[in-house]
Amino acid sequence: MTSLKTAIAVASSSLALTGAGGIAALSLFDIPELQSQPASRSLPQIRWLFSRGSHFFPSLAFGSGTAFLYLAYDAVPAHLTAIQGLTHAIRGITSLGTPAGRAGGLMFAGLSAFGLGPMTSIMIPTNFRLIELSKAKGGSRSEASAKKAKAAGVKGQNALDSVDGRGQAGQFADLSGPQEETAERTSKAEDEEVRG
């Protein structure tokens, strides 16, 4: 394997492990912590995490998936046609430890990395509902965005504007943390809905 292919192999694995570790950390540590708080405190933090993650995790998945698929393509013998190469890789999924298994395993890893997309599309309605509830209570994407919105007289924005960073502090220049608490308190029913 050339040094470039070695670098691609290391990068693909590193990106995949970084993404998996980040998502596992959110699930194991952050979510239970957020569920233990009233919604007026957890909603801004959820919005901040979603906003940051919506730019970070898809980039990791795309980079890792693309690198794995390139390595799978490279592992297919050069004399095979495109269809034969794809068949070779698909058959290899069930025979790991063989040359075909290498191509199949890498193809499976690449497609698994891209699996973040369908999972995200399933979760977007839930996340957008929480962002909308945060907005309704005067929540903002970050401390800096809350200050900017207050100065401009804006009482929050919709979920898509939050993801796109419209009318807020610059997404990549904003190093402030999450807004500490929404402007309005939440009810017990809203707290239960957010814990859901």
C-alpha atoms as a PDB file:
ATOM      1  CA  MET A   1       0.000   0.000   0.000  1.00  0.00           C
ATOM      2  CA  THR A   2       1.401   3.400  -0.961  1.00  0.00           C
ATOM      3  CA  SER A   3       1.810   6.131   1.618  1.00  0.00           C
ATOM      4  CA  LEU A   4      -1.183   8.007   0.135  1.00  0.00           C
ATOM      5  CA  LYS A   5      -3.421   4.946   0.473  1.00  0.00           C
ATOM      6  CA  THR A   6      -2.134   4.410   3.999  1.00  0.00           C
ATOM      7  CA  ALA A   7      -2.986   8.023   4.842  1.00  0.00           C
ATOM      8  CA  ILE A   8      -6.482   7.579   3.366  1.00  0.00           C
ATOM      9  CA  ALA A   9      -6.970   4.356   5.370  1.00  0.00           C
ATOM     10  CA  VAL A  10      -5.879   6.058   8.593  1.00  0.00           C
ATOM     11  CA  ALA A  11      -8.047   9.116   7.872  1.00  0.00           C
ATOM     12  CA  SER A  12     -11.149   7.063   7.047  1.00  0.00           C
ATOM     13  CA  SER A  13     -10.877   5.029  10.242  1.00  0.00           C
ATOM     14  CA  SER A  14     -10.029   8.074  12.357  1.00  0.00           C
ATOM     15  CA  LEU A  15     -12.970  10.069  11.021  1.00  0.00           C
ATOM     16  CA  ALA A  16     -15.357   7.153  11.554  1.00  0.00           C
ATOM     17  CA  LEU A  17     -14.134   6.585  15.108  1.00  0.00           C
ATOM     18  CA  THR A  18     -14.318  10.303  15.916  1.00  0.00           C
ATOM     19  CA  GLY A  19     -17.912  10.478  14.707  1.00  0.00           C
ATOM     20  CA  ALA A  20     -18.934   7.281  16.491  1.00  0.00           C
ATOM     21  CA  GLY A  21     -17.251   8.404  19.704  1.00  0.00           C
ATOM     22  CA  GLY A  22     -18.916  11.808  19.542  1.00  0.00           C
ATOM     23  CA  ILE A  23     -22.370  10.335  19.021  1.00  0.00           C
ATOM     24  CA  ALA A  24     -21.802   7.747  21.772  1.00  0.00           C
ATOM     25  CA  ALA A  25     -20.673  10.480  24.182  1.00  0.00           C
ATOM     26  CA  LEU A  26     -23.794  12.513  23.421  1.00  0.00           C
ATOM     27  CA  SER A  27     -26.028   9.488  23.977  1.00  0.00           C
ATOM     28  CA  LEU A  28     -24.340   8.219  27.126  1.00  0.00           C
ATOM     29  CA  PHE A  29     -23.468  11.455  28.927  1.00  0.00           C
ATOM     30  CA  ASP A  30     -25.156  14.556  27.504  1.00  0.00           C
ATOM     31  CA  ILE A  31     -28.698  13.292  26.942  1.00  0.00           C
ATOM     32  CA  PRO A  32     -29.174  11.994  30.523  1.00  0.00           C
ATOM     33  CA  GLU A  33     -27.816  15.303  31.844  1.00  0.00           C
ATOM     34  CA  LEU A  34     -30.215  17.284  29.646  1.00  0.00           C
ATOM     35  CA  GLN A  35     -33.173  15.115  30.677  1.00  0.00           C
ATOM     36  CA  SER A  36     -32.527  15.906  34.341  1.00  0.00           C
ATOM     37  CA  GLN A  37     -33.033  19.662  33.807  1.00  0.00           C
ATOM     38  CA  PRO A  38     -36.160  21.749  33.267  1.00  0.00           C
ATOM     39  CA  ALA A  39     -36.864  22.437  29.593  1.00  0.00           C
ATOM     40  CA  SER A  40     -36.094  26.149  30.021  1.00  0.00           C
ATOM     41  CA  ARG A  41     -32.453  25.142  30.644  1.00  0.00           C
ATOM     42  CA  SER A  42     -32.157  22.052  28.427  1.00  0.00           C
ATOM     43  CA  LEU A  43     -33.761  23.499  25.270  1.00  0.00           C
ATOM     44  CA  PRO A  44     -30.995  26.067  24.584  1.00  0.00           C
ATOM     45  CA  GLN A  45     -28.368  23.374  25.177  1.00  0.00           C
ATOM     46  CA  ILE A  46     -30.133  20.944  22.828  1.00  0.00           C
ATOM     47  CA  ARG A  47     -30.363  23.684  20.208  1.00  0.00           C
ATOM     48  CA  TRP A  48     -26.656  24.489  20.610  1.00  0.00           C
ATOM     49  CA  LEU A  49     -25.684  20.794  20.319  1.00  0.00           C
ATOM     50  CA  PHE A  50     -27.904  20.302  17.267  1.00  0.00           C
ATOM     51  CA  SER A  51     -26.557  23.420  15.584  1.00  0.00           C
ATOM     52  CA  ARG A  52     -22.928  22.408  16.154  1.00  0.00           C
ATOM     53  CA  GLY A  53     -23.537  18.756  15.319  1.00  0.00           C
ATOM     54  CA  SER A  54     -25.419  19.533  12.105  1.00  0.00           C
ATOM     55  CA  HIS A  55     -22.182  20.897  10.657  1.00  0.00           C
ATOM     56  CA  PHE A  56     -19.713  18.542  12.319  1.00  0.00           C
ATOM     57  CA  PHE A  57     -21.138  15.014  11.998  1.00  0.00           C
ATOM     58  CA  PRO A  58     -22.247  15.085   8.331  1.00  0.00           C
ATOM     59  CA  SER A  59     -18.757  16.275   7.343  1.00  0.00           C
ATOM     60  CA  LEU A  60     -17.197  13.387   9.263  1.00  0.00           C
ATOM     61  CA  ALA A  61     -19.603  10.879   7.714  1.00  0.00           C
ATOM     62  CA  PHE A  62     -19.026  12.193   4.190  1.00  0.00           C
ATOM     63  CA  GLY A  63     -15.232  12.227   4.562  1.00  0.00           C
ATOM     64  CA  SER A  64     -15.077   8.794   6.146  1.00  0.00           C
ATOM     65  CA  GLY A  65     -17.597   7.211   3.770  1.00  0.00           C
ATOM     66  CA  THR A  66     -15.907   8.627   0.685  1.00  0.00           C
ATOM     67  CA  ALA A  67     -12.487   7.443   1.854  1.00  0.00           C
ATOM     68  CA  PHE A  68     -13.766   3.927   2.635  1.00  0.00           C
ATOM     69  CA  LEU A  69     -15.490   3.673  -0.757  1.00  0.00           C
ATOM     70  CA  TYR A  70     -12.315   4.814  -2.520  1.00  0.00           C
ATOM     71  CA  LEU A  71     -10.344   2.119  -0.673  1.00  0.00           C
ATOM     72  CA  ALA A  72     -13.003  -0.470  -1.619  1.00  0.00           C
ATOM     73  CA  TYR A  73     -12.737   0.591  -5.266  1.00  0.00           C
ATOM     74  CA  ASP A  74      -8.958   0.338  -5.053  1.00  0.00           C
ATOM     75  CA  ALA A  75      -9.176  -3.161  -3.501  1.00  0.00           C
ATOM     76  CA  VAL A  76     -11.095  -4.571  -6.490  1.00  0.00           C
ATOM     77  CA  PRO A  77      -8.796  -6.252  -9.056  1.00  0.00           C
ATOM     78  CA  ALA A  78      -8.131  -3.899 -11.976  1.00  0.00           C
ATOM     79  CA  HIS A  79      -9.055  -6.431 -14.685  1.00  0.00           C
ATOM     80  CA  LEU A  80     -12.713  -6.603 -13.582  1.00  0.00           C
ATOM     81  CA  THR A  81     -15.416  -4.491 -15.207  1.00  0.00           C
ATOM     82  CA  ALA A  82     -17.462  -2.132 -13.047  1.00  0.00           C
ATOM     83  CA  ILE A  83     -20.309  -4.654 -12.582  1.00  0.00           C
ATOM     84  CA  GLN A  84     -17.886  -7.507 -11.895  1.00  0.00           C
ATOM     85  CA  GLY A  85     -16.029  -5.330  -9.394  1.00  0.00           C
ATOM     86  CA  LEU A  86     -19.242  -4.437  -7.584  1.00  0.00           C
ATOM     87  CA  THR A  87     -20.274  -8.104  -7.507  1.00  0.00           C
ATOM     88  CA  HIS A  88     -16.789  -8.988  -6.225  1.00  0.00           C
ATOM     89  CA  ALA A  89     -17.128  -6.463  -3.392  1.00  0.00           C
ATOM     90  CA  ILE A  90     -20.695  -7.501  -2.493  1.00  0.00           C
ATOM     91  CA  ARG A  91     -19.719 -11.170  -2.326  1.00  0.00           C
ATOM     92  CA  GLY A  92     -16.744 -10.161  -0.231  1.00  0.00           C
ATOM     93  CA  ILE A  93     -18.980  -8.889   2.561  1.00  0.00           C
ATOM     94  CA  THR A  94     -19.678 -12.504   3.527  1.00  0.00           C
ATOM     95  CA  SER A  95     -16.082 -13.675   3.151  1.00  0.00           C
ATOM     96  CA  LEU A  96     -13.980 -11.332   5.249  1.00  0.00           C
ATOM     97  CA  GLY A  97     -10.297 -12.257   5.397  1.00  0.00           C
ATOM     98  CA  THR A  98     -10.071 -12.849   1.645  1.00  0.00           C
ATOM     99  CA  PRO A  99      -9.125 -10.344  -1.080  1.00  0.00           C
ATOM    100  CA  ALA A 100     -12.816 -10.047  -1.976  1.00  0.00           C
ATOM    101  CA  GLY A 101     -13.558  -9.653   1.721  1.00  0.00           C
ATOM    102  CA  ARG A 102     -11.277  -6.629   1.905  1.00  0.00           C
ATOM    103  CA  ALA A 103     -13.197  -4.862  -0.863  1.00  0.00           C
ATOM    104  CA  GLY A 104     -16.522  -5.934   0.640  1.00  0.00           C
ATOM    105  CA  GLY A 105     -15.599  -4.861   4.153  1.00  0.00           C
ATOM    106  CA  LEU A 106     -14.430  -1.456   2.967  1.00  0.00           C
ATOM    107  CA  MET A 107     -17.569  -1.006   0.876  1.00  0.00           C
ATOM    108  CA  PHE A 108     -19.731  -1.951   3.881  1.00  0.00           C
ATOM    109  CA  ALA A 109     -17.814   0.531   6.080  1.00  0.00           C
ATOM    110  CA  GLY A 110     -18.305   3.301   3.516  1.00  0.00           C
ATOM    111  CA  LEU A 111     -22.017   2.665   3.142  1.00  0.00           C
ATOM    112  CA  SER A 112     -22.398   2.438   6.928  1.00  0.00           C
ATOM    113  CA  ALA A 113     -20.773   5.858   7.314  1.00  0.00           C
ATOM    114  CA  PHE A 114     -23.282   7.293   4.855  1.00  0.00           C
ATOM    115  CA  GLY A 115     -26.025   5.672   6.970  1.00  0.00           C
ATOM    116  CA  LEU A 116     -25.923   8.783   9.151  1.00  0.00           C
ATOM    117  CA  GLY A 117     -28.026  10.558   6.507  1.00  0.00           C
ATOM    118  CA  PRO A 118     -31.146   8.367   6.748  1.00  0.00           C
ATOM    119  CA  MET A 119     -30.908   8.290  10.559  1.00  0.00           C
ATOM    120  CA  THR A 120     -30.695  12.076  10.642  1.00  0.00           C
ATOM    121  CA  SER A 121     -33.747  12.420   8.391  1.00  0.00           C
ATOM    122  CA  ILE A 122     -35.708  10.263  10.852  1.00  0.00           C
ATOM    123  CA  MET A 123     -34.651  12.466  13.793  1.00  0.00           C
ATOM    124  CA  ILE A 124     -35.038  15.897  12.149  1.00  0.00           C
ATOM    125  CA  PRO A 125     -38.771  16.295  12.959  1.00  0.00           C
ATOM    126  CA  THR A 126     -38.070  15.624  16.654  1.00  0.00           C
ATOM    127  CA  ASN A 127     -35.076  17.964  16.735  1.00  0.00           C
ATOM    128  CA  PHE A 128     -36.914  20.710  14.836  1.00  0.00           C
ATOM    129  CA  ARG A 129     -39.859  20.420  17.278  1.00  0.00           C
ATOM    130  CA  LEU A 130     -37.462  21.021  20.175  1.00  0.00           C
ATOM    131  CA  ILE A 131     -35.861  23.968  18.352  1.00  0.00           C
ATOM    132  CA  GLU A 132     -39.306  25.471  17.669  1.00  0.00           C
ATOM    133  CA  LEU A 133     -40.247  25.075  21.352  1.00  0.00           C
ATOM    134  CA  SER A 134     -36.969  26.756  22.313  1.00  0.00           C
ATOM    135  CA  LYS A 135     -37.726  29.613  19.920  1.00  0.00           C
ATOM    136  CA  ALA A 136     -41.240  30.020  21.344  1.00  0.00           C
ATOM    137  CA  LYS A 137     -39.733  30.441  24.812  1.00  0.00           C
ATOM    138  CA  GLY A 138     -37.159  33.003  23.665  1.00  0.00           C
ATOM    139  CA  GLY A 139     -34.308  30.550  23.203  1.00  0.00           C
ATOM    140  CA  SER A 140     -31.392  31.094  20.853  1.00  0.00           C
ATOM    141  CA  ARG A 141     -28.635  28.991  19.272  1.00  0.00           C
ATOM    142  CA  SER A 142     -25.887  30.388  21.513  1.00  0.00           C
ATOM    143  CA  GLU A 143     -25.083  33.140  24.025  1.00  0.00           C
ATOM    144  CA  ALA A 144     -23.739  35.374  21.249  1.00  0.00           C
ATOM    145  CA  SER A 145     -26.812  34.744  19.074  1.00  0.00           C
ATOM    146  CA  ALA A 146     -29.100  35.531  22.019  1.00  0.00           C
ATOM    147  CA  LYS A 147     -27.318  38.874  22.545  1.00  0.00           C
ATOM    148  CA  LYS A 148     -27.469  39.682  18.827  1.00  0.00           C
ATOM    149  CA  ALA A 149     -31.183  38.790  18.641  1.00  0.00           C
ATOM    150  CA  LYS A 150     -31.964  40.846  21.760  1.00  0.00           C
ATOM    151  CA  ALA A 151     -30.122  43.871  20.335  1.00  0.00           C
ATOM    152  CA  ALA A 152     -32.037  43.523  17.049  1.00  0.00           C
ATOM    153  CA  GLY A 153     -35.372  42.944  18.795  1.00  0.00           C
ATOM    154  CA  VAL A 154     -35.760  39.449  17.287  1.00  0.00           C
ATOM    155  CA  LYS A 155     -37.409  36.788  19.468  1.00  0.00           C
ATOM    156  CA  GLY A 156     -35.813  33.677  17.960  1.00  0.00           C
ATOM    157  CA  GLN A 157     -35.936  32.004  14.592  1.00  0.00           C
ATOM    158  CA  ASN A 158     -37.217  28.824  13.053  1.00  0.00           C
ATOM    159  CA  ALA A 159     -35.282  25.559  13.061  1.00  0.00           C
ATOM    160  CA  LEU A 160     -33.961  25.857   9.512  1.00  0.00           C
ATOM    161  CA  ASP A 161     -32.720  29.399  10.162  1.00  0.00           C
ATOM    162  CA  SER A 162     -30.980  28.053  13.269  1.00  0.00           C
ATOM    163  CA  VAL A 163     -29.179  25.370  11.270  1.00  0.00           C
ATOM    164  CA  ASP A 164     -28.284  27.834   8.506  1.00  0.00           C
ATOM    165  CA  GLY A 165     -27.235  30.509  11.022  1.00  0.00           C
ATOM    166  CA  ARG A 166     -29.438  33.258   9.489  1.00  0.00           C
ATOM    167  CA  GLY A 167     -29.707  36.423  11.551  1.00  0.00           C
ATOM    168  CA  GLN A 168     -27.427  35.064  14.263  1.00  0.00           C
ATOM    169  CA  ALA A 169     -23.811  35.322  15.283  1.00  0.00           C
ATOM    170  CA  GLY A 170     -21.579  33.698  12.647  1.00  0.00           C
ATOM    171  CA  GLN A 171     -21.684  29.917  13.032  1.00  0.00           C
ATOM    172  CA  PHE A 172     -17.959  29.259  12.765  1.00  0.00           C
ATOM    173  CA  ALA A 173     -16.760  32.451  14.441  1.00  0.00           C
ATOM    174  CA  ASP A 174     -19.208  32.092  17.351  1.00  0.00           C
ATOM    175  CA  LEU A 175     -17.255  30.309  20.063  1.00  0.00           C
ATOM    176  CA  SER A 176     -19.750  31.143  22.800  1.00  0.00           C
ATOM    177  CA  GLY A 177     -21.486  28.357  24.654  1.00  0.00           C
ATOM    178  CA  PRO A 178     -25.183  27.623  24.716  1.00  0.00           C
ATOM    179  CA  GLN A 179     -27.652  30.176  26.017  1.00  0.00           C
ATOM    180  CA  GLU A 180     -27.997  29.477  29.749  1.00  0.00           C
ATOM    181  CA  GLU A 181     -31.784  29.578  29.858  1.00  0.00           C
ATOM    182  CA  THR A 182     -34.716  30.531  27.641  1.00  0.00           C
ATOM    183  CA  ALA A 183     -36.198  33.991  28.208  1.00  0.00           C
ATOM    184  CA  GLU A 184     -39.474  32.440  29.411  1.00  0.00           C
ATOM    185  CA  ARG A 185     -39.938  29.609  31.902  1.00  0.00           C
ATOM    186  CA  THR A 186     -41.426  26.325  30.728  1.00  0.00           C
ATOM    187  CA  SER A 187     -44.417  24.531  32.224  1.00  0.00           C
ATOM    188  CA  LYS A 188     -44.344  21.061  33.794  1.00  0.00           C
ATOM    189  CA  ALA A 189     -46.081  19.695  30.678  1.00  0.00           C
ATOM    190  CA  GLU A 190     -43.413  21.224  28.424  1.00  0.00           C
ATOM    191  CA  ASP A 191     -40.688  19.819  30.676  1.00  0.00           C
ATOM    192  CA  GLU A 192     -42.211  16.341  30.276  1.00  0.00           C
ATOM    193  CA  GLU A 193     -42.547  16.764  26.494  1.00  0.00           C
ATOM    194  CA  VAL A 194     -38.873  17.690  26.174  1.00  0.00           C
ATOM    195  CA  ARG A 195     -37.770  14.776  28.388  1.00  0.00           C
ATOM    196  CA  GLY A 196     -39.965  12.535  26.197  1.00  0.00           C
END
